Amino acid sequence: MQVPWLIAVAKKHGVSKHYGPGGNIWSNVHMDDLVRLYSLAIASAPAGAFYFAENGENSMREVCEAISRMLGFGGSTEPMTLEEATAEWGESSAHDTMGSNSRVRATRARRELGWTPTAPSLIDEIERGIYTEVV
C-alpha cells in the first residue's frame, strides 16, 4: 500500500515526497516470490514454523526517487512535515506506516525451505512502470 500512496502524493504535488528525511527502511518482497514461499511452507514446513519473507530493503527516500524517475520528475524528492504527512495519510499511517522501519531477514526460509527469491526488486518494478496504472 505504501507505493500507491506515494505515487498518489507525487502525482498530486508534482514531486515525489517522503515523510521526514526518508531514511526509514522497509524490507520488501515480490508477490510472486511470496507465493512460492507460502507454497514451500505449506508443503514442507514443520507445524508452528514462522518465516520472514524479504528480498532486500529500501529507504522511503530511495522508493520516492524511483517513483520520481518513473513519473518523469528526474529522481528528485522533497520531505514532508508530520503535519503534511498526517494530512495525506492520517496520523497513525504517517507514523506507523510511512515514518517507521520494518526490517526482517528471510534467513530461516532460505535455509530450511530452500526458498530463493527470483523476481525483480521493488525499485526495478517501480522504474519499469509496473505501478503506473495503480493510482
N, C-alpha and C. Protein backbone atom coordinates (compact mmCIF):
# COMPACT_ATOMS: atom_id res chain seq x y z
N MET A 1 0.81 -1.20 0.00
CA MET A 1 0.00 0.00 0.00
C MET A 1 0.85 1.26 0.00
N GLN A 2 2.10 1.15 0.45
CA GLN A 2 2.94 2.35 0.52
C GLN A 2 3.24 2.94 -0.85
N VAL A 3 3.59 2.10 -1.80
CA VAL A 3 3.97 2.61 -3.11
C VAL A 3 2.79 3.33 -3.78
N PRO A 4 1.60 2.76 -3.83
CA PRO A 4 0.47 3.51 -4.40
C PRO A 4 0.21 4.83 -3.67
N TRP A 5 0.33 4.84 -2.35
CA TRP A 5 0.15 6.08 -1.60
C TRP A 5 1.18 7.13 -2.00
N LEU A 6 2.43 6.69 -2.12
CA LEU A 6 3.50 7.61 -2.50
C LEU A 6 3.34 8.11 -3.93
N ILE A 7 2.87 7.26 -4.82
CA ILE A 7 2.61 7.67 -6.20
C ILE A 7 1.50 8.72 -6.24
N ALA A 8 0.44 8.48 -5.48
CA ALA A 8 -0.68 9.42 -5.45
C ALA A 8 -0.22 10.80 -4.98
N VAL A 9 0.60 10.83 -3.95
CA VAL A 9 1.11 12.10 -3.43
C VAL A 9 2.00 12.78 -4.47
N ALA A 10 2.84 12.02 -5.14
CA ALA A 10 3.72 12.60 -6.16
C ALA A 10 2.91 13.19 -7.30
N LYS A 11 1.90 12.47 -7.74
CA LYS A 11 1.05 12.99 -8.82
C LYS A 11 0.30 14.24 -8.37
N LYS A 12 -0.17 14.23 -7.16
CA LYS A 12 -0.93 15.37 -6.62
C LYS A 12 -0.08 16.63 -6.53
N HIS A 13 1.17 16.47 -6.11
CA HIS A 13 2.03 17.63 -5.84
C HIS A 13 3.05 17.92 -6.94
N GLY A 14 3.18 17.00 -7.91
CA GLY A 14 4.16 17.20 -8.97
C GLY A 14 5.59 16.96 -8.55
N VAL A 15 5.77 16.34 -7.39
CA VAL A 15 7.09 15.97 -6.89
C VAL A 15 6.90 14.79 -5.94
N SER A 16 7.85 13.88 -5.94
CA SER A 16 7.78 12.72 -5.06
C SER A 16 8.16 13.15 -3.64
N LYS A 17 7.32 12.78 -2.67
CA LYS A 17 7.52 13.22 -1.29
C LYS A 17 7.56 12.04 -0.33
N HIS A 18 8.41 12.15 0.67
CA HIS A 18 8.51 11.18 1.76
C HIS A 18 8.36 11.93 3.07
N TYR A 19 7.95 11.21 4.10
CA TYR A 19 7.82 11.81 5.43
C TYR A 19 9.21 12.00 6.03
N GLY A 20 9.50 13.20 6.47
CA GLY A 20 10.81 13.49 7.07
C GLY A 20 11.93 13.29 6.08
N PRO A 21 13.11 12.92 6.56
CA PRO A 21 14.25 12.76 5.65
C PRO A 21 14.16 11.53 4.75
N GLY A 22 13.24 10.61 5.04
CA GLY A 22 13.06 9.44 4.19
C GLY A 22 14.08 8.34 4.42
N GLY A 23 14.80 8.41 5.51
CA GLY A 23 15.83 7.41 5.78
C GLY A 23 15.31 6.12 6.40
N ASN A 24 14.02 6.08 6.71
CA ASN A 24 13.48 4.85 7.29
C ASN A 24 13.46 3.74 6.25
N ILE A 25 13.70 2.52 6.73
CA ILE A 25 13.94 1.39 5.83
C ILE A 25 12.90 0.31 6.04
N TRP A 26 12.42 -0.23 4.91
CA TRP A 26 11.49 -1.35 4.93
C TRP A 26 12.04 -2.49 4.06
N SER A 27 11.92 -3.70 4.56
CA SER A 27 12.21 -4.87 3.74
C SER A 27 11.07 -5.02 2.75
N ASN A 28 11.34 -5.66 1.63
CA ASN A 28 10.28 -5.89 0.65
C ASN A 28 10.48 -7.23 -0.03
N VAL A 29 9.40 -7.72 -0.61
CA VAL A 29 9.43 -8.98 -1.34
C VAL A 29 8.37 -8.90 -2.44
N HIS A 30 8.68 -9.45 -3.57
CA HIS A 30 7.75 -9.51 -4.69
C HIS A 30 6.66 -10.54 -4.40
N MET A 31 5.46 -10.25 -4.83
CA MET A 31 4.33 -11.15 -4.59
C MET A 31 4.60 -12.55 -5.15
N ASP A 32 5.21 -12.65 -6.32
CA ASP A 32 5.50 -13.96 -6.90
C ASP A 32 6.43 -14.77 -6.00
N ASP A 33 7.43 -14.11 -5.43
CA ASP A 33 8.34 -14.80 -4.50
C ASP A 33 7.61 -15.20 -3.22
N LEU A 34 6.73 -14.35 -2.75
CA LEU A 34 5.97 -14.66 -1.54
C LEU A 34 5.06 -15.87 -1.76
N VAL A 35 4.44 -15.96 -2.92
CA VAL A 35 3.59 -17.11 -3.24
C VAL A 35 4.41 -18.39 -3.21
N ARG A 36 5.61 -18.35 -3.79
CA ARG A 36 6.48 -19.54 -3.75
C ARG A 36 6.86 -19.92 -2.33
N LEU A 37 7.11 -18.92 -1.49
CA LEU A 37 7.45 -19.21 -0.09
C LEU A 37 6.26 -19.86 0.62
N TYR A 38 5.07 -19.31 0.43
CA TYR A 38 3.88 -19.92 1.05
C TYR A 38 3.72 -21.36 0.59
N SER A 39 3.90 -21.62 -0.69
CA SER A 39 3.77 -22.98 -1.22
C SER A 39 4.77 -23.92 -0.57
N LEU A 40 6.00 -23.47 -0.44
CA LEU A 40 7.02 -24.29 0.21
C LEU A 40 6.68 -24.54 1.68
N ALA A 41 6.21 -23.51 2.35
CA ALA A 41 5.87 -23.65 3.78
C ALA A 41 4.71 -24.62 3.96
N ILE A 42 3.70 -24.52 3.13
CA ILE A 42 2.55 -25.44 3.23
C ILE A 42 3.00 -26.87 2.97
N ALA A 43 3.87 -27.05 2.00
CA ALA A 43 4.30 -28.39 1.62
C ALA A 43 5.27 -29.03 2.59
N SER A 44 6.14 -28.23 3.22
CA SER A 44 7.21 -28.90 3.96
C SER A 44 7.63 -28.27 5.29
N ALA A 45 7.02 -27.20 5.71
CA ALA A 45 7.43 -26.59 6.98
C ALA A 45 6.84 -27.37 8.16
N PRO A 46 7.59 -27.46 9.25
CA PRO A 46 7.04 -28.11 10.44
C PRO A 46 5.89 -27.28 11.03
N ALA A 47 5.00 -27.95 11.71
CA ALA A 47 3.87 -27.25 12.34
C ALA A 47 4.38 -26.14 13.24
N GLY A 48 3.75 -24.99 13.16
CA GLY A 48 4.09 -23.86 14.00
C GLY A 48 5.30 -23.07 13.55
N ALA A 49 5.90 -23.43 12.42
CA ALA A 49 7.07 -22.72 11.93
C ALA A 49 6.69 -21.29 11.53
N PHE A 50 7.63 -20.38 11.69
CA PHE A 50 7.42 -18.96 11.39
C PHE A 50 8.56 -18.50 10.50
N TYR A 51 8.22 -17.89 9.37
CA TYR A 51 9.23 -17.45 8.41
C TYR A 51 8.99 -16.00 8.01
N PHE A 52 10.08 -15.27 7.83
CA PHE A 52 10.02 -13.95 7.25
C PHE A 52 10.26 -14.07 5.76
N ALA A 53 9.74 -13.12 5.01
CA ALA A 53 9.97 -13.06 3.56
C ALA A 53 10.54 -11.70 3.23
N GLU A 54 11.64 -11.68 2.51
CA GLU A 54 12.23 -10.43 2.03
C GLU A 54 13.20 -10.74 0.91
N ASN A 55 13.33 -9.76 0.05
CA ASN A 55 14.34 -9.85 -0.99
C ASN A 55 15.01 -8.49 -1.13
N GLY A 56 15.49 -8.01 0.00
CA GLY A 56 16.15 -6.72 0.03
C GLY A 56 15.33 -5.71 0.80
N GLU A 57 15.87 -4.50 0.86
CA GLU A 57 15.21 -3.43 1.57
C GLU A 57 15.60 -2.10 0.94
N ASN A 58 14.73 -1.12 1.15
CA ASN A 58 14.97 0.22 0.61
C ASN A 58 14.50 1.25 1.61
N SER A 59 15.13 2.41 1.56
CA SER A 59 14.63 3.53 2.35
C SER A 59 13.44 4.13 1.61
N MET A 60 12.62 4.85 2.33
CA MET A 60 11.48 5.54 1.70
C MET A 60 11.99 6.56 0.68
N ARG A 61 13.10 7.19 0.96
CA ARG A 61 13.67 8.14 0.00
C ARG A 61 14.05 7.44 -1.30
N GLU A 62 14.66 6.26 -1.22
CA GLU A 62 15.01 5.51 -2.43
C GLU A 62 13.76 5.13 -3.23
N VAL A 63 12.72 4.73 -2.53
CA VAL A 63 11.46 4.40 -3.21
C VAL A 63 10.89 5.64 -3.89
N CYS A 64 10.92 6.77 -3.18
CA CYS A 64 10.41 8.02 -3.76
C CYS A 64 11.26 8.49 -4.94
N GLU A 65 12.56 8.27 -4.89
CA GLU A 65 13.42 8.62 -6.02
C GLU A 65 13.03 7.80 -7.25
N ALA A 66 12.76 6.50 -7.04
CA ALA A 66 12.33 5.63 -8.16
C ALA A 66 10.98 6.08 -8.70
N ILE A 67 10.06 6.44 -7.82
CA ILE A 67 8.76 6.96 -8.25
C ILE A 67 8.95 8.24 -9.05
N SER A 68 9.82 9.10 -8.58
CA SER A 68 10.11 10.35 -9.28
C SER A 68 10.63 10.09 -10.69
N ARG A 69 11.53 9.13 -10.82
CA ARG A 69 12.04 8.78 -12.15
C ARG A 69 10.93 8.20 -13.02
N MET A 70 10.11 7.32 -12.44
CA MET A 70 9.02 6.70 -13.18
C MET A 70 8.05 7.74 -13.73
N LEU A 71 7.78 8.77 -12.92
CA LEU A 71 6.82 9.79 -13.31
C LEU A 71 7.44 10.92 -14.15
N GLY A 72 8.74 10.81 -14.42
CA GLY A 72 9.40 11.82 -15.23
C GLY A 72 9.81 13.07 -14.48
N PHE A 73 9.95 12.96 -13.14
CA PHE A 73 10.34 14.10 -12.32
C PHE A 73 11.85 14.14 -12.09
N GLY A 74 12.60 13.25 -12.72
CA GLY A 74 14.06 13.31 -12.66
C GLY A 74 14.71 12.74 -11.41
N GLY A 75 13.96 12.07 -10.56
CA GLY A 75 14.55 11.47 -9.36
C GLY A 75 14.56 12.37 -8.15
N SER A 76 14.09 13.59 -8.28
CA SER A 76 14.10 14.50 -7.13
C SER A 76 12.95 14.17 -6.17
N THR A 77 13.19 14.46 -4.91
CA THR A 77 12.19 14.23 -3.87
C THR A 77 12.19 15.42 -2.92
N GLU A 78 11.14 15.51 -2.13
CA GLU A 78 11.05 16.52 -1.08
C GLU A 78 10.54 15.88 0.19
N PRO A 79 11.02 16.35 1.33
CA PRO A 79 10.49 15.84 2.61
C PRO A 79 9.14 16.49 2.93
N MET A 80 8.31 15.76 3.65
CA MET A 80 7.06 16.29 4.17
C MET A 80 7.19 16.43 5.67
N THR A 81 6.54 17.42 6.22
CA THR A 81 6.46 17.56 7.67
C THR A 81 5.46 16.55 8.20
N LEU A 82 5.45 16.38 9.52
CA LEU A 82 4.46 15.50 10.13
C LEU A 82 3.04 15.97 9.80
N GLU A 83 2.83 17.26 9.82
CA GLU A 83 1.50 17.80 9.52
C GLU A 83 1.09 17.47 8.09
N GLU A 84 2.01 17.62 7.15
CA GLU A 84 1.70 17.30 5.75
C GLU A 84 1.43 15.80 5.57
N ALA A 85 2.26 14.97 6.19
CA ALA A 85 2.07 13.52 6.08
C ALA A 85 0.76 13.09 6.72
N THR A 86 0.42 13.69 7.84
CA THR A 86 -0.84 13.38 8.52
C THR A 86 -2.02 13.79 7.66
N ALA A 87 -1.92 14.91 6.98
CA ALA A 87 -3.00 15.36 6.10
C ALA A 87 -3.19 14.39 4.93
N GLU A 88 -2.13 13.77 4.47
CA GLU A 88 -2.22 12.83 3.35
C GLU A 88 -2.71 11.45 3.78
N TRP A 89 -2.19 10.94 4.90
CA TRP A 89 -2.41 9.53 5.24
C TRP A 89 -3.05 9.30 6.61
N GLY A 90 -3.29 10.33 7.36
CA GLY A 90 -3.78 10.17 8.72
C GLY A 90 -2.62 10.02 9.69
N GLU A 91 -2.87 10.33 10.94
CA GLU A 91 -1.79 10.35 11.93
C GLU A 91 -1.15 8.98 12.13
N SER A 92 -1.95 7.96 12.30
CA SER A 92 -1.42 6.62 12.54
C SER A 92 -0.59 6.13 11.36
N SER A 93 -1.12 6.28 10.15
CA SER A 93 -0.38 5.81 8.97
C SER A 93 0.88 6.62 8.73
N ALA A 94 0.82 7.91 8.98
CA ALA A 94 2.02 8.74 8.81
C ALA A 94 3.14 8.24 9.71
N HIS A 95 2.81 7.96 10.97
CA HIS A 95 3.82 7.48 11.92
C HIS A 95 4.18 6.02 11.67
N ASP A 96 3.18 5.15 11.69
CA ASP A 96 3.42 3.71 11.72
C ASP A 96 3.77 3.10 10.37
N THR A 97 3.22 3.64 9.31
CA THR A 97 3.44 3.05 8.00
C THR A 97 4.47 3.79 7.18
N MET A 98 4.45 5.10 7.23
CA MET A 98 5.32 5.88 6.36
C MET A 98 6.54 6.45 7.08
N GLY A 99 6.56 6.41 8.40
CA GLY A 99 7.67 7.00 9.14
C GLY A 99 8.44 6.03 10.00
N SER A 100 8.18 4.74 9.83
CA SER A 100 8.84 3.75 10.69
C SER A 100 9.75 2.85 9.87
N ASN A 101 10.45 1.98 10.56
CA ASN A 101 11.26 0.94 9.94
C ASN A 101 10.56 -0.39 10.10
N SER A 102 10.75 -1.27 9.13
CA SER A 102 10.26 -2.64 9.23
C SER A 102 11.26 -3.51 8.49
N ARG A 103 12.22 -4.02 9.24
CA ARG A 103 13.32 -4.77 8.64
C ARG A 103 13.31 -6.21 9.14
N VAL A 104 13.36 -7.14 8.19
CA VAL A 104 13.42 -8.56 8.51
C VAL A 104 14.44 -9.23 7.59
N ARG A 105 14.82 -10.42 7.94
CA ARG A 105 15.69 -11.24 7.11
C ARG A 105 15.02 -12.61 6.93
N ALA A 106 15.08 -13.13 5.73
CA ALA A 106 14.46 -14.41 5.41
C ALA A 106 15.46 -15.55 5.51
N THR A 107 16.37 -15.46 6.44
CA THR A 107 17.43 -16.45 6.59
C THR A 107 16.87 -17.85 6.80
N ARG A 108 15.91 -17.97 7.69
CA ARG A 108 15.34 -19.30 8.00
C ARG A 108 14.60 -19.87 6.79
N ALA A 109 13.85 -19.06 6.08
CA ALA A 109 13.13 -19.54 4.89
C ALA A 109 14.11 -20.04 3.83
N ARG A 110 15.20 -19.32 3.68
CA ARG A 110 16.20 -19.74 2.70
C ARG A 110 16.88 -21.05 3.14
N ARG A 111 17.24 -21.10 4.41
CA ARG A 111 17.98 -22.26 4.92
C ARG A 111 17.10 -23.51 5.01
N GLU A 112 15.94 -23.41 5.64
CA GLU A 112 15.11 -24.59 5.90
C GLU A 112 14.25 -25.02 4.71
N LEU A 113 13.81 -24.08 3.91
CA LEU A 113 12.89 -24.41 2.82
C LEU A 113 13.54 -24.33 1.44
N GLY A 114 14.77 -23.83 1.40
CA GLY A 114 15.45 -23.68 0.12
C GLY A 114 14.85 -22.58 -0.75
N TRP A 115 14.15 -21.66 -0.10
CA TRP A 115 13.49 -20.58 -0.83
C TRP A 115 14.53 -19.59 -1.34
N THR A 116 14.42 -19.24 -2.61
CA THR A 116 15.30 -18.26 -3.22
C THR A 116 14.45 -17.30 -4.03
N PRO A 117 14.37 -16.04 -3.62
CA PRO A 117 13.61 -15.07 -4.40
C PRO A 117 14.28 -14.82 -5.74
N THR A 118 13.47 -14.73 -6.78
CA THR A 118 14.00 -14.54 -8.13
C THR A 118 13.33 -13.38 -8.88
N ALA A 119 12.26 -12.85 -8.34
CA ALA A 119 11.52 -11.78 -9.03
C ALA A 119 12.29 -10.46 -8.95
N PRO A 120 11.93 -9.50 -9.78
CA PRO A 120 12.61 -8.20 -9.76
C PRO A 120 12.48 -7.50 -8.41
N SER A 121 13.41 -6.61 -8.15
CA SER A 121 13.37 -5.82 -6.92
C SER A 121 12.26 -4.78 -6.98
N LEU A 122 11.92 -4.23 -5.83
CA LEU A 122 10.89 -3.20 -5.77
C LEU A 122 11.28 -2.00 -6.63
N ILE A 123 12.51 -1.55 -6.53
CA ILE A 123 12.96 -0.39 -7.30
C ILE A 123 12.87 -0.69 -8.79
N ASP A 124 13.28 -1.87 -9.22
CA ASP A 124 13.17 -2.25 -10.63
C ASP A 124 11.71 -2.26 -11.09
N GLU A 125 10.83 -2.79 -10.27
CA GLU A 125 9.41 -2.83 -10.62
C GLU A 125 8.84 -1.42 -10.77
N ILE A 126 9.18 -0.54 -9.85
CA ILE A 126 8.70 0.83 -9.95
C ILE A 126 9.22 1.48 -11.23
N GLU A 127 10.51 1.38 -11.46
CA GLU A 127 11.10 2.05 -12.61
C GLU A 127 10.66 1.46 -13.93
N ARG A 128 10.27 0.19 -13.95
CA ARG A 128 9.75 -0.43 -15.17
C ARG A 128 8.31 -0.02 -15.43
N GLY A 129 7.68 0.65 -14.48
CA GLY A 129 6.33 1.16 -14.69
C GLY A 129 5.22 0.23 -14.26
N ILE A 130 5.53 -0.80 -13.47
CA ILE A 130 4.52 -1.74 -13.02
C ILE A 130 3.40 -1.02 -12.26
N TYR A 131 3.75 0.02 -11.55
CA TYR A 131 2.77 0.72 -10.71
C TYR A 131 2.08 1.90 -11.40
N THR A 132 2.37 2.17 -12.65
CA THR A 132 1.84 3.38 -13.28
C THR A 132 0.33 3.41 -13.35
N GLU A 133 -0.32 2.29 -13.43
CA GLU A 133 -1.78 2.26 -13.54
C GLU A 133 -2.46 2.09 -12.18
N VAL A 134 -1.68 1.99 -11.12
CA VAL A 134 -2.24 1.75 -9.79
C VAL A 134 -3.04 2.94 -9.30
N VAL A 135 -2.52 4.12 -9.51
CA VAL A 135 -3.18 5.32 -8.98
C VAL A 135 -3.55 6.23 -10.13
